[in-house]
Amino acid sequence: NNDIIINNSKFFNKNFSINNSKFLIKNSIIYNLKNSININNSSNYIFNNCLFNNCNSVFLNNNNNGNFINNIFYKNKEAIIINNKGSLKLYNNLFIKNEVAINKKDSSILYIINNTFDINNNNIINNYSNNITSKNNIYSNNKLKFNNNINNYYCLSNVDSLKGYYNIFDNPIYINSLNFNYNLNKNSPGIRS
């Protein structure tokens, strides 16, 4: 039942759980966690500019008004598992080489905006796709097909033909994704789209 601020920290091979709190975790590295990062009964929380690497998952249970902004999810089992009651916003994140990027198990509202999903085994698993807003995202080189029940707007994919409006089916042409430069090259079809 606290307000928590964690800044410029490293969590390695630890258990990580936050309950009944409002928190901000920023500029931190979270890696090699064998158990899930458990966030329970919390609201108005923010993960900002963090690296999640080689973790089991971030498990969100019964939370409200969460935000993941400018984070990198790299080589995790399930990057985010959602079982919430309110809304969750994912803005400007990179999801790279995860087994599952997002596993949504509830009917809460999910906003996925300005994210890049590259080389994941599965982007999104869910049963409540009508509560997902997917806008201005890039889905590239992912192994399994995208959930075609989700409406996408102004998104780009080089593997799936996305359901929705104003989507582009083409190669995003990153500057150098092998060296983690996911900025778009000047000749990318995603520029100003």
N, C-alpha and C. Protein backbone atom coordinates (compact mmCIF):
# COMPACT_ATOMS: atom_id res chain seq x y z
N ASN A 1 0.83 -1.21 0.00
CA ASN A 1 0.00 0.00 0.00
C ASN A 1 0.86 1.25 0.00
N ASN A 2 1.85 1.27 -0.86
CA ASN A 2 2.79 2.39 -0.90
C ASN A 2 2.90 2.97 -2.29
N ASP A 3 3.51 4.14 -2.38
CA ASP A 3 3.98 4.69 -3.63
C ASP A 3 5.46 4.33 -3.72
N ILE A 4 5.85 3.66 -4.78
CA ILE A 4 7.22 3.17 -4.91
C ILE A 4 7.85 3.77 -6.15
N ILE A 5 9.09 4.23 -6.01
CA ILE A 5 9.87 4.69 -7.16
C ILE A 5 11.19 3.92 -7.15
N ILE A 6 11.47 3.23 -8.25
CA ILE A 6 12.73 2.51 -8.41
C ILE A 6 13.38 3.05 -9.68
N ASN A 7 14.62 3.51 -9.57
CA ASN A 7 15.29 4.15 -10.69
C ASN A 7 16.72 3.63 -10.81
N ASN A 8 17.17 3.40 -12.04
CA ASN A 8 18.56 3.00 -12.31
C ASN A 8 18.99 1.79 -11.49
N SER A 9 18.18 0.73 -11.53
CA SER A 9 18.46 -0.45 -10.72
C SER A 9 18.64 -1.67 -11.60
N LYS A 10 19.23 -2.72 -11.00
CA LYS A 10 19.43 -3.98 -11.70
C LYS A 10 18.85 -5.09 -10.83
N PHE A 11 18.00 -5.92 -11.44
CA PHE A 11 17.43 -7.08 -10.77
C PHE A 11 17.91 -8.31 -11.52
N PHE A 12 18.70 -9.15 -10.86
CA PHE A 12 19.26 -10.33 -11.49
C PHE A 12 18.94 -11.55 -10.64
N ASN A 13 18.27 -12.55 -11.25
CA ASN A 13 18.03 -13.82 -10.59
C ASN A 13 17.35 -13.65 -9.24
N LYS A 14 16.37 -12.76 -9.17
CA LYS A 14 15.65 -12.48 -7.93
C LYS A 14 14.17 -12.76 -8.12
N ASN A 15 13.44 -12.91 -7.01
CA ASN A 15 11.99 -12.90 -7.05
C ASN A 15 11.55 -11.45 -6.99
N PHE A 16 10.48 -11.15 -7.70
CA PHE A 16 10.07 -9.76 -7.86
C PHE A 16 8.56 -9.71 -7.78
N SER A 17 8.01 -9.07 -6.74
CA SER A 17 6.57 -8.99 -6.58
C SER A 17 6.20 -7.65 -5.97
N ILE A 18 5.16 -7.03 -6.53
CA ILE A 18 4.63 -5.77 -5.99
C ILE A 18 3.13 -5.95 -5.80
N ASN A 19 2.63 -5.61 -4.61
CA ASN A 19 1.22 -5.79 -4.29
C ASN A 19 0.61 -4.50 -3.77
N ASN A 20 -0.61 -4.20 -4.21
CA ASN A 20 -1.41 -3.10 -3.67
C ASN A 20 -0.66 -1.77 -3.65
N SER A 21 0.03 -1.45 -4.72
CA SER A 21 0.85 -0.24 -4.71
C SER A 21 0.74 0.54 -6.02
N LYS A 22 1.08 1.78 -5.93
CA LYS A 22 1.28 2.63 -7.10
C LYS A 22 2.79 2.76 -7.25
N PHE A 23 3.32 2.53 -8.47
CA PHE A 23 4.78 2.55 -8.57
C PHE A 23 5.26 3.04 -9.92
N LEU A 24 6.51 3.46 -9.92
CA LEU A 24 7.24 3.85 -11.12
C LEU A 24 8.58 3.12 -11.07
N ILE A 25 8.83 2.31 -12.08
CA ILE A 25 10.14 1.65 -12.22
C ILE A 25 10.70 2.12 -13.54
N LYS A 26 11.85 2.80 -13.50
CA LYS A 26 12.41 3.33 -14.74
C LYS A 26 13.91 3.14 -14.81
N ASN A 27 14.41 3.13 -16.05
CA ASN A 27 15.85 3.02 -16.33
C ASN A 27 16.48 1.84 -15.60
N SER A 28 15.81 0.70 -15.62
CA SER A 28 16.29 -0.46 -14.87
C SER A 28 16.44 -1.67 -15.78
N ILE A 29 17.27 -2.61 -15.32
CA ILE A 29 17.50 -3.86 -16.04
C ILE A 29 16.97 -5.00 -15.18
N ILE A 30 16.11 -5.80 -15.79
CA ILE A 30 15.50 -6.92 -15.09
C ILE A 30 15.80 -8.16 -15.93
N TYR A 31 16.65 -9.07 -15.43
CA TYR A 31 17.04 -10.20 -16.26
C TYR A 31 17.32 -11.46 -15.45
N ASN A 32 17.20 -12.60 -16.17
CA ASN A 32 17.42 -13.93 -15.61
C ASN A 32 16.55 -14.21 -14.39
N LEU A 33 15.28 -13.79 -14.45
CA LEU A 33 14.35 -14.11 -13.37
C LEU A 33 13.67 -15.43 -13.71
N LYS A 34 13.82 -16.42 -12.85
CA LYS A 34 13.23 -17.72 -13.11
C LYS A 34 11.73 -17.72 -12.87
N ASN A 35 11.27 -16.95 -11.91
CA ASN A 35 9.85 -16.82 -11.64
C ASN A 35 9.30 -15.57 -12.32
N SER A 36 8.01 -15.47 -12.40
CA SER A 36 7.38 -14.30 -13.00
C SER A 36 7.57 -13.08 -12.12
N ILE A 37 7.57 -11.92 -12.75
CA ILE A 37 7.46 -10.66 -12.04
C ILE A 37 5.97 -10.51 -11.76
N ASN A 38 5.57 -10.52 -10.51
CA ASN A 38 4.16 -10.50 -10.16
C ASN A 38 3.73 -9.11 -9.70
N ILE A 39 2.76 -8.55 -10.41
CA ILE A 39 2.17 -7.26 -10.04
C ILE A 39 0.71 -7.55 -9.72
N ASN A 40 0.31 -7.35 -8.46
CA ASN A 40 -1.02 -7.73 -8.01
C ASN A 40 -1.76 -6.55 -7.38
N ASN A 41 -3.02 -6.39 -7.76
CA ASN A 41 -3.92 -5.41 -7.13
C ASN A 41 -3.32 -4.02 -7.05
N SER A 42 -2.59 -3.62 -8.07
CA SER A 42 -1.96 -2.31 -8.10
C SER A 42 -2.64 -1.43 -9.15
N SER A 43 -2.44 -0.13 -9.04
CA SER A 43 -3.04 0.77 -10.03
C SER A 43 -2.09 1.93 -10.31
N ASN A 44 -2.29 2.53 -11.47
CA ASN A 44 -1.49 3.70 -11.88
C ASN A 44 0.00 3.42 -11.79
N TYR A 45 0.42 2.29 -12.33
CA TYR A 45 1.83 1.91 -12.29
C TYR A 45 2.47 2.12 -13.66
N ILE A 46 3.80 2.32 -13.64
CA ILE A 46 4.53 2.61 -14.87
C ILE A 46 5.86 1.86 -14.86
N PHE A 47 6.14 1.14 -15.95
CA PHE A 47 7.48 0.66 -16.26
C PHE A 47 7.97 1.52 -17.42
N ASN A 48 9.04 2.25 -17.22
CA ASN A 48 9.53 3.18 -18.23
C ASN A 48 11.01 2.97 -18.49
N ASN A 49 11.35 2.73 -19.76
CA ASN A 49 12.75 2.64 -20.19
C ASN A 49 13.51 1.52 -19.48
N CYS A 50 12.87 0.35 -19.39
CA CYS A 50 13.49 -0.81 -18.74
C CYS A 50 13.80 -1.90 -19.77
N LEU A 51 14.76 -2.74 -19.43
CA LEU A 51 15.08 -3.92 -20.24
C LEU A 51 14.64 -5.15 -19.46
N PHE A 52 13.78 -5.97 -20.08
CA PHE A 52 13.37 -7.26 -19.54
C PHE A 52 14.02 -8.32 -20.41
N ASN A 53 14.97 -9.07 -19.86
CA ASN A 53 15.73 -10.03 -20.65
C ASN A 53 15.78 -11.38 -19.95
N ASN A 54 15.44 -12.44 -20.69
CA ASN A 54 15.55 -13.80 -20.21
C ASN A 54 14.77 -14.02 -18.91
N CYS A 55 13.54 -13.50 -18.89
CA CYS A 55 12.66 -13.66 -17.73
C CYS A 55 11.53 -14.61 -18.10
N ASN A 56 10.87 -15.14 -17.09
CA ASN A 56 9.72 -15.99 -17.33
C ASN A 56 8.58 -15.14 -17.89
N SER A 57 8.14 -14.11 -17.17
CA SER A 57 7.07 -13.22 -17.64
C SER A 57 6.87 -12.08 -16.67
N VAL A 58 6.15 -11.07 -17.12
CA VAL A 58 5.59 -10.06 -16.23
C VAL A 58 4.12 -10.44 -16.11
N PHE A 59 3.70 -10.88 -14.93
CA PHE A 59 2.33 -11.33 -14.73
C PHE A 59 1.54 -10.23 -14.04
N LEU A 60 0.53 -9.72 -14.73
CA LEU A 60 -0.30 -8.64 -14.22
C LEU A 60 -1.63 -9.24 -13.77
N ASN A 61 -1.92 -9.16 -12.48
CA ASN A 61 -3.12 -9.78 -11.94
C ASN A 61 -3.97 -8.77 -11.18
N ASN A 62 -5.18 -8.55 -11.69
CA ASN A 62 -6.18 -7.71 -11.01
C ASN A 62 -5.70 -6.28 -10.80
N ASN A 63 -5.02 -5.74 -11.82
CA ASN A 63 -4.51 -4.37 -11.73
C ASN A 63 -5.37 -3.44 -12.56
N ASN A 64 -5.10 -2.13 -12.41
CA ASN A 64 -5.84 -1.13 -13.15
C ASN A 64 -4.91 0.00 -13.57
N ASN A 65 -5.08 0.48 -14.80
CA ASN A 65 -4.34 1.64 -15.31
C ASN A 65 -2.82 1.46 -15.25
N GLY A 66 -2.33 0.45 -15.96
CA GLY A 66 -0.90 0.22 -16.06
C GLY A 66 -0.34 0.78 -17.34
N ASN A 67 0.96 1.10 -17.33
CA ASN A 67 1.64 1.68 -18.48
C ASN A 67 3.02 1.05 -18.64
N PHE A 68 3.31 0.59 -19.85
CA PHE A 68 4.66 0.15 -20.22
C PHE A 68 5.11 1.08 -21.35
N ILE A 69 6.12 1.89 -21.09
CA ILE A 69 6.53 2.93 -22.03
C ILE A 69 8.03 2.82 -22.30
N ASN A 70 8.41 2.71 -23.59
CA ASN A 70 9.82 2.72 -24.01
C ASN A 70 10.65 1.59 -23.40
N ASN A 71 10.08 0.40 -23.29
CA ASN A 71 10.80 -0.74 -22.73
C ASN A 71 11.25 -1.69 -23.84
N ILE A 72 12.19 -2.57 -23.49
CA ILE A 72 12.62 -3.63 -24.40
C ILE A 72 12.35 -4.96 -23.71
N PHE A 73 11.62 -5.84 -24.40
CA PHE A 73 11.36 -7.20 -23.95
C PHE A 73 12.13 -8.11 -24.89
N TYR A 74 13.18 -8.74 -24.39
CA TYR A 74 14.10 -9.50 -25.25
C TYR A 74 14.29 -10.92 -24.70
N LYS A 75 13.94 -11.91 -25.51
CA LYS A 75 14.15 -13.32 -25.19
C LYS A 75 13.51 -13.75 -23.87
N ASN A 76 12.25 -13.39 -23.67
CA ASN A 76 11.50 -13.82 -22.50
C ASN A 76 10.56 -14.96 -22.88
N LYS A 77 10.13 -15.72 -21.88
CA LYS A 77 9.20 -16.82 -22.16
C LYS A 77 7.85 -16.25 -22.60
N GLU A 78 7.18 -15.51 -21.76
CA GLU A 78 5.98 -14.76 -22.11
C GLU A 78 6.23 -13.35 -21.59
N ALA A 79 6.43 -12.41 -22.47
CA ALA A 79 6.83 -11.08 -22.04
C ALA A 79 5.83 -10.49 -21.05
N ILE A 80 4.54 -10.46 -21.43
CA ILE A 80 3.51 -9.91 -20.54
C ILE A 80 2.31 -10.85 -20.53
N ILE A 81 1.88 -11.25 -19.33
CA ILE A 81 0.64 -12.00 -19.15
C ILE A 81 -0.35 -11.08 -18.46
N ILE A 82 -1.52 -10.91 -19.07
CA ILE A 82 -2.48 -9.94 -18.57
C ILE A 82 -3.71 -10.65 -18.03
N ASN A 83 -4.04 -10.41 -16.77
CA ASN A 83 -5.28 -10.86 -16.16
C ASN A 83 -5.78 -9.72 -15.29
N ASN A 84 -6.16 -8.62 -15.94
CA ASN A 84 -6.47 -7.37 -15.25
C ASN A 84 -7.95 -7.09 -15.18
N LYS A 85 -8.28 -5.99 -14.52
CA LYS A 85 -9.67 -5.55 -14.46
C LYS A 85 -9.85 -4.18 -15.12
N GLY A 86 -8.80 -3.46 -15.37
CA GLY A 86 -8.92 -2.12 -15.94
C GLY A 86 -8.25 -2.02 -17.29
N SER A 87 -7.46 -0.99 -17.49
CA SER A 87 -6.80 -0.80 -18.77
C SER A 87 -5.29 -0.95 -18.64
N LEU A 88 -4.67 -1.31 -19.76
CA LEU A 88 -3.22 -1.41 -19.84
C LEU A 88 -2.78 -0.75 -21.13
N LYS A 89 -1.74 0.08 -21.06
CA LYS A 89 -1.25 0.79 -22.23
C LYS A 89 0.20 0.39 -22.50
N LEU A 90 0.46 -0.04 -23.74
CA LEU A 90 1.81 -0.39 -24.17
C LEU A 90 2.20 0.59 -25.26
N TYR A 91 3.10 1.52 -24.95
CA TYR A 91 3.52 2.56 -25.89
C TYR A 91 5.02 2.48 -26.15
N ASN A 92 5.40 2.46 -27.41
CA ASN A 92 6.81 2.61 -27.83
C ASN A 92 7.74 1.54 -27.27
N ASN A 93 7.28 0.31 -27.19
CA ASN A 93 8.11 -0.78 -26.68
C ASN A 93 8.64 -1.62 -27.83
N LEU A 94 9.76 -2.32 -27.57
CA LEU A 94 10.31 -3.30 -28.51
C LEU A 94 10.11 -4.69 -27.92
N PHE A 95 9.48 -5.59 -28.68
CA PHE A 95 9.32 -6.98 -28.30
C PHE A 95 10.14 -7.80 -29.29
N ILE A 96 11.26 -8.38 -28.83
CA ILE A 96 12.19 -9.07 -29.73
C ILE A 96 12.48 -10.48 -29.20
N LYS A 97 12.28 -11.48 -30.07
CA LYS A 97 12.65 -12.88 -29.81
C LYS A 97 12.04 -13.44 -28.52
N ASN A 98 10.80 -13.08 -28.23
CA ASN A 98 10.08 -13.66 -27.10
C ASN A 98 9.31 -14.89 -27.58
N GLU A 99 9.11 -15.86 -26.68
CA GLU A 99 8.25 -16.99 -27.03
C GLU A 99 6.84 -16.49 -27.30
N VAL A 100 6.31 -15.68 -26.40
CA VAL A 100 5.02 -15.01 -26.58
C VAL A 100 5.20 -13.57 -26.14
N ALA A 101 4.80 -12.63 -26.98
CA ALA A 101 4.94 -11.22 -26.60
C ALA A 101 3.88 -10.83 -25.58
N ILE A 102 2.61 -11.11 -25.88
CA ILE A 102 1.52 -10.74 -24.98
C ILE A 102 0.55 -11.90 -24.88
N ASN A 103 0.22 -12.29 -23.65
CA ASN A 103 -0.79 -13.31 -23.41
C ASN A 103 -1.91 -12.65 -22.61
N LYS A 104 -2.98 -12.30 -23.29
CA LYS A 104 -4.09 -11.58 -22.66
C LYS A 104 -5.18 -12.58 -22.31
N LYS A 105 -5.46 -12.74 -21.01
CA LYS A 105 -6.39 -13.76 -20.55
C LYS A 105 -7.67 -13.15 -19.98
N ASP A 106 -7.93 -11.90 -20.22
CA ASP A 106 -9.06 -11.25 -19.58
C ASP A 106 -9.83 -10.38 -20.57
N SER A 107 -10.79 -9.64 -20.09
CA SER A 107 -11.58 -8.76 -20.95
C SER A 107 -11.27 -7.29 -20.70
N SER A 108 -10.14 -7.00 -20.06
CA SER A 108 -9.75 -5.61 -19.83
C SER A 108 -9.41 -4.94 -21.15
N ILE A 109 -9.26 -3.63 -21.11
CA ILE A 109 -8.93 -2.84 -22.30
C ILE A 109 -7.41 -2.78 -22.46
N LEU A 110 -6.94 -3.10 -23.65
CA LEU A 110 -5.50 -3.08 -23.94
C LEU A 110 -5.24 -2.16 -25.12
N TYR A 111 -4.35 -1.19 -24.91
CA TYR A 111 -3.92 -0.28 -25.98
C TYR A 111 -2.50 -0.65 -26.36
N ILE A 112 -2.28 -1.01 -27.63
CA ILE A 112 -0.95 -1.33 -28.15
C ILE A 112 -0.65 -0.30 -29.22
N ILE A 113 0.20 0.67 -28.91
CA ILE A 113 0.41 1.80 -29.81
C ILE A 113 1.91 2.09 -29.97
N ASN A 114 2.36 2.20 -31.23
CA ASN A 114 3.74 2.56 -31.57
C ASN A 114 4.78 1.54 -31.08
N ASN A 115 4.44 0.27 -31.09
CA ASN A 115 5.37 -0.78 -30.66
C ASN A 115 5.94 -1.50 -31.87
N THR A 116 7.08 -2.16 -31.66
CA THR A 116 7.68 -3.00 -32.69
C THR A 116 7.79 -4.42 -32.15
N PHE A 117 7.25 -5.38 -32.92
CA PHE A 117 7.30 -6.79 -32.58
C PHE A 117 8.15 -7.48 -33.65
N ASP A 118 9.32 -7.98 -33.28
CA ASP A 118 10.21 -8.59 -34.27
C ASP A 118 10.70 -9.96 -33.78
N ILE A 119 10.60 -10.96 -34.64
CA ILE A 119 11.12 -12.31 -34.44
C ILE A 119 10.57 -12.96 -33.17
N ASN A 120 9.32 -12.71 -32.84
CA ASN A 120 8.68 -13.41 -31.73
C ASN A 120 8.05 -14.70 -32.26
N ASN A 121 7.97 -15.73 -31.40
CA ASN A 121 7.29 -16.95 -31.82
C ASN A 121 5.80 -16.71 -31.94
N ASN A 122 5.25 -15.87 -31.09
CA ASN A 122 3.84 -15.52 -31.15
C ASN A 122 3.68 -14.10 -30.61
N ASN A 123 2.94 -13.25 -31.33
CA ASN A 123 2.76 -11.87 -30.89
C ASN A 123 1.75 -11.75 -29.77
N ILE A 124 0.53 -12.21 -30.04
CA ILE A 124 -0.54 -12.01 -29.07
C ILE A 124 -1.41 -13.26 -29.02
N ILE A 125 -1.61 -13.78 -27.79
CA ILE A 125 -2.57 -14.84 -27.56
C ILE A 125 -3.67 -14.23 -26.71
N ASN A 126 -4.93 -14.34 -27.15
CA ASN A 126 -6.00 -13.83 -26.31
C ASN A 126 -7.33 -14.36 -26.74
N ASN A 127 -8.29 -14.25 -25.85
CA ASN A 127 -9.66 -14.65 -26.15
C ASN A 127 -10.62 -13.48 -26.14
N TYR A 128 -10.14 -12.28 -25.90
CA TYR A 128 -10.99 -11.11 -25.78
C TYR A 128 -10.50 -10.01 -26.69
N SER A 129 -10.35 -10.31 -27.96
CA SER A 129 -9.71 -9.40 -28.90
C SER A 129 -10.49 -8.12 -29.13
N ASN A 130 -11.80 -8.10 -28.84
CA ASN A 130 -12.57 -6.89 -29.10
C ASN A 130 -12.20 -5.75 -28.16
N ASN A 131 -11.43 -6.00 -27.15
CA ASN A 131 -11.00 -4.95 -26.23
C ASN A 131 -9.55 -4.55 -26.45
N ILE A 132 -9.03 -4.77 -27.66
CA ILE A 132 -7.66 -4.42 -27.97
C ILE A 132 -7.65 -3.35 -29.06
N THR A 133 -6.91 -2.28 -28.80
CA THR A 133 -6.66 -1.26 -29.81
C THR A 133 -5.21 -1.38 -30.24
N SER A 134 -5.00 -1.75 -31.50
CA SER A 134 -3.65 -1.89 -32.06
C SER A 134 -3.48 -0.83 -33.14
N LYS A 135 -2.61 0.14 -32.88
CA LYS A 135 -2.46 1.25 -33.81
C LYS A 135 -0.98 1.61 -33.97
N ASN A 136 -0.56 1.81 -35.22
CA ASN A 136 0.77 2.30 -35.54
C ASN A 136 1.88 1.38 -35.03
N ASN A 137 1.65 0.07 -35.11
CA ASN A 137 2.64 -0.92 -34.69
C ASN A 137 3.30 -1.56 -35.90
N ILE A 138 4.49 -2.14 -35.67
CA ILE A 138 5.18 -2.90 -36.71
C ILE A 138 5.30 -4.34 -36.23
N TYR A 139 4.82 -5.27 -37.06
CA TYR A 139 4.90 -6.69 -36.79
C TYR A 139 5.77 -7.31 -37.87
N SER A 140 6.99 -7.71 -37.52
CA SER A 140 7.92 -8.20 -38.54
C SER A 140 8.58 -9.51 -38.14
N ASN A 141 8.73 -10.38 -39.12
CA ASN A 141 9.52 -11.61 -38.99
C ASN A 141 9.07 -12.51 -37.84
N ASN A 142 7.80 -12.44 -37.47
CA ASN A 142 7.30 -13.28 -36.39
C ASN A 142 6.89 -14.64 -36.94
N LYS A 143 7.05 -15.69 -36.13
CA LYS A 143 6.88 -17.05 -36.63
C LYS A 143 5.43 -17.46 -36.79
N LEU A 144 4.58 -17.16 -35.81
CA LEU A 144 3.18 -17.57 -35.90
C LEU A 144 2.32 -16.42 -36.37
N LYS A 145 1.25 -16.76 -37.02
CA LYS A 145 0.36 -15.73 -37.56
C LYS A 145 -0.25 -14.90 -36.45
N PHE A 146 -0.54 -13.65 -36.79
CA PHE A 146 -1.17 -12.71 -35.87
C PHE A 146 -2.61 -13.14 -35.62
N ASN A 147 -3.14 -12.80 -34.46
CA ASN A 147 -4.54 -13.08 -34.15
C ASN A 147 -5.42 -12.23 -35.05
N ASN A 148 -6.06 -12.86 -36.04
CA ASN A 148 -6.83 -12.13 -37.04
C ASN A 148 -8.14 -11.56 -36.52
N ASN A 149 -8.48 -11.79 -35.26
CA ASN A 149 -9.67 -11.17 -34.69
C ASN A 149 -9.41 -9.76 -34.20
N ILE A 150 -8.16 -9.35 -34.15
CA ILE A 150 -7.81 -8.03 -33.64
C ILE A 150 -7.80 -7.03 -34.79
N ASN A 151 -8.46 -5.91 -34.61
CA ASN A 151 -8.42 -4.85 -35.61
C ASN A 151 -7.16 -4.02 -35.42
N ASN A 152 -6.43 -3.81 -36.50
CA ASN A 152 -5.20 -3.03 -36.49
C ASN A 152 -5.41 -1.81 -37.38
N TYR A 153 -4.86 -0.69 -36.97
CA TYR A 153 -4.98 0.55 -37.73
C TYR A 153 -3.60 1.16 -37.92
N TYR A 154 -3.26 1.49 -39.14
CA TYR A 154 -1.99 2.13 -39.49
C TYR A 154 -0.80 1.27 -39.05
N CYS A 155 -0.93 -0.04 -39.14
CA CYS A 155 0.15 -0.95 -38.75
C CYS A 155 0.85 -1.49 -39.99
N LEU A 156 2.04 -2.04 -39.78
CA LEU A 156 2.82 -2.62 -40.87
C LEU A 156 3.20 -4.04 -40.49
N SER A 157 3.08 -4.96 -41.43
CA SER A 157 3.50 -6.34 -41.20
C SER A 157 4.12 -6.89 -42.47
N ASN A 158 5.17 -7.69 -42.31
CA ASN A 158 5.77 -8.35 -43.48
C ASN A 158 5.47 -9.84 -43.51
N VAL A 159 4.64 -10.34 -42.58
CA VAL A 159 4.29 -11.75 -42.53
C VAL A 159 2.78 -11.95 -42.66
N ASP A 160 2.00 -11.13 -41.99
CA ASP A 160 0.55 -11.29 -41.95
C ASP A 160 -0.17 -10.17 -42.69
N SER A 161 -1.29 -10.52 -43.26
CA SER A 161 -2.20 -9.51 -43.78
C SER A 161 -3.12 -9.14 -42.63
N LEU A 162 -2.94 -7.96 -42.08
CA LEU A 162 -3.63 -7.56 -40.85
C LEU A 162 -5.07 -7.15 -41.12
N LYS A 163 -5.95 -7.54 -40.22
CA LYS A 163 -7.34 -7.12 -40.30
C LYS A 163 -7.44 -5.69 -39.77
N GLY A 164 -8.19 -4.85 -40.44
CA GLY A 164 -8.37 -3.46 -40.01
C GLY A 164 -8.20 -2.51 -41.18
N TYR A 165 -7.83 -1.29 -40.88
CA TYR A 165 -7.78 -0.24 -41.90
C TYR A 165 -6.40 0.41 -41.97
N TYR A 166 -6.02 0.81 -43.19
CA TYR A 166 -4.81 1.57 -43.47
C TYR A 166 -3.54 0.84 -43.05
N ASN A 167 -3.56 -0.49 -43.12
CA ASN A 167 -2.38 -1.28 -42.80
C ASN A 167 -1.54 -1.50 -44.05
N ILE A 168 -0.27 -1.77 -43.85
CA ILE A 168 0.67 -1.99 -44.95
C ILE A 168 1.25 -3.39 -44.82
N PHE A 169 1.27 -4.13 -45.92
CA PHE A 169 1.91 -5.44 -45.96
C PHE A 169 3.22 -5.27 -46.73
N ASP A 170 4.33 -5.14 -46.01
CA ASP A 170 5.63 -4.88 -46.65
C ASP A 170 6.72 -5.05 -45.61
N ASN A 171 7.96 -5.02 -46.04
CA ASN A 171 9.11 -5.08 -45.16
C ASN A 171 9.32 -3.72 -44.51
N PRO A 172 9.49 -3.64 -43.18
CA PRO A 172 9.65 -2.34 -42.53
C PRO A 172 10.97 -1.64 -42.86
N ILE A 173 12.00 -2.38 -43.24
CA ILE A 173 13.34 -1.87 -43.57
C ILE A 173 13.93 -1.07 -42.40
N TYR A 174 14.35 -1.80 -41.38
CA TYR A 174 15.03 -1.18 -40.24
C TYR A 174 16.42 -0.75 -40.65
N ILE A 175 17.00 0.18 -39.92
CA ILE A 175 18.37 0.60 -40.22
C ILE A 175 19.34 -0.55 -39.99
N ASN A 176 19.25 -1.23 -38.82
CA ASN A 176 20.13 -2.37 -38.57
C ASN A 176 19.60 -3.15 -37.37
N SER A 177 18.59 -3.99 -37.59
CA SER A 177 17.98 -4.72 -36.48
C SER A 177 18.95 -5.73 -35.85
N LEU A 178 19.93 -6.23 -36.59
CA LEU A 178 20.91 -7.16 -36.01
C LEU A 178 21.71 -6.51 -34.89
N ASN A 179 21.88 -5.19 -34.97
CA ASN A 179 22.56 -4.45 -33.91
C ASN A 179 21.58 -3.60 -33.12
N PHE A 180 20.30 -4.01 -33.11
CA PHE A 180 19.23 -3.40 -32.32
C PHE A 180 18.92 -1.96 -32.69
N ASN A 181 19.20 -1.58 -33.92
CA ASN A 181 18.77 -0.25 -34.38
C ASN A 181 17.46 -0.46 -35.15
N TYR A 182 16.35 -0.28 -34.45
CA TYR A 182 15.03 -0.49 -35.05
C TYR A 182 14.43 0.79 -35.59
N ASN A 183 15.23 1.82 -35.75
CA ASN A 183 14.74 3.00 -36.46
C ASN A 183 14.50 2.60 -37.91
N LEU A 184 13.54 3.25 -38.54
CA LEU A 184 13.21 2.92 -39.92
C LEU A 184 14.16 3.62 -40.88
N ASN A 185 14.60 2.88 -41.90
CA ASN A 185 15.42 3.46 -42.95
C ASN A 185 14.61 4.49 -43.72
N LYS A 186 15.28 5.42 -44.38
CA LYS A 186 14.57 6.50 -45.09
C LYS A 186 13.69 5.98 -46.22
N ASN A 187 13.96 4.78 -46.75
CA ASN A 187 13.12 4.23 -47.80
C ASN A 187 12.10 3.21 -47.28
N SER A 188 11.87 3.18 -45.96
CA SER A 188 10.89 2.26 -45.39
C SER A 188 9.47 2.69 -45.74
N PRO A 189 8.58 1.74 -46.05
CA PRO A 189 7.19 2.07 -46.32
C PRO A 189 6.46 2.57 -45.07
N GLY A 190 7.07 2.39 -43.89
CA GLY A 190 6.44 2.85 -42.66
C GLY A 190 6.68 4.31 -42.35
N ILE A 191 7.61 4.96 -43.06
CA ILE A 191 7.88 6.38 -42.82
C ILE A 191 6.64 7.19 -43.18
N ARG A 192 6.20 8.01 -42.25
CA ARG A 192 5.04 8.89 -42.41
C ARG A 192 3.77 8.15 -42.81
N SER A 193 3.63 6.91 -42.36
CA SER A 193 2.43 6.13 -42.70
C SER A 193 1.64 5.85 -41.45
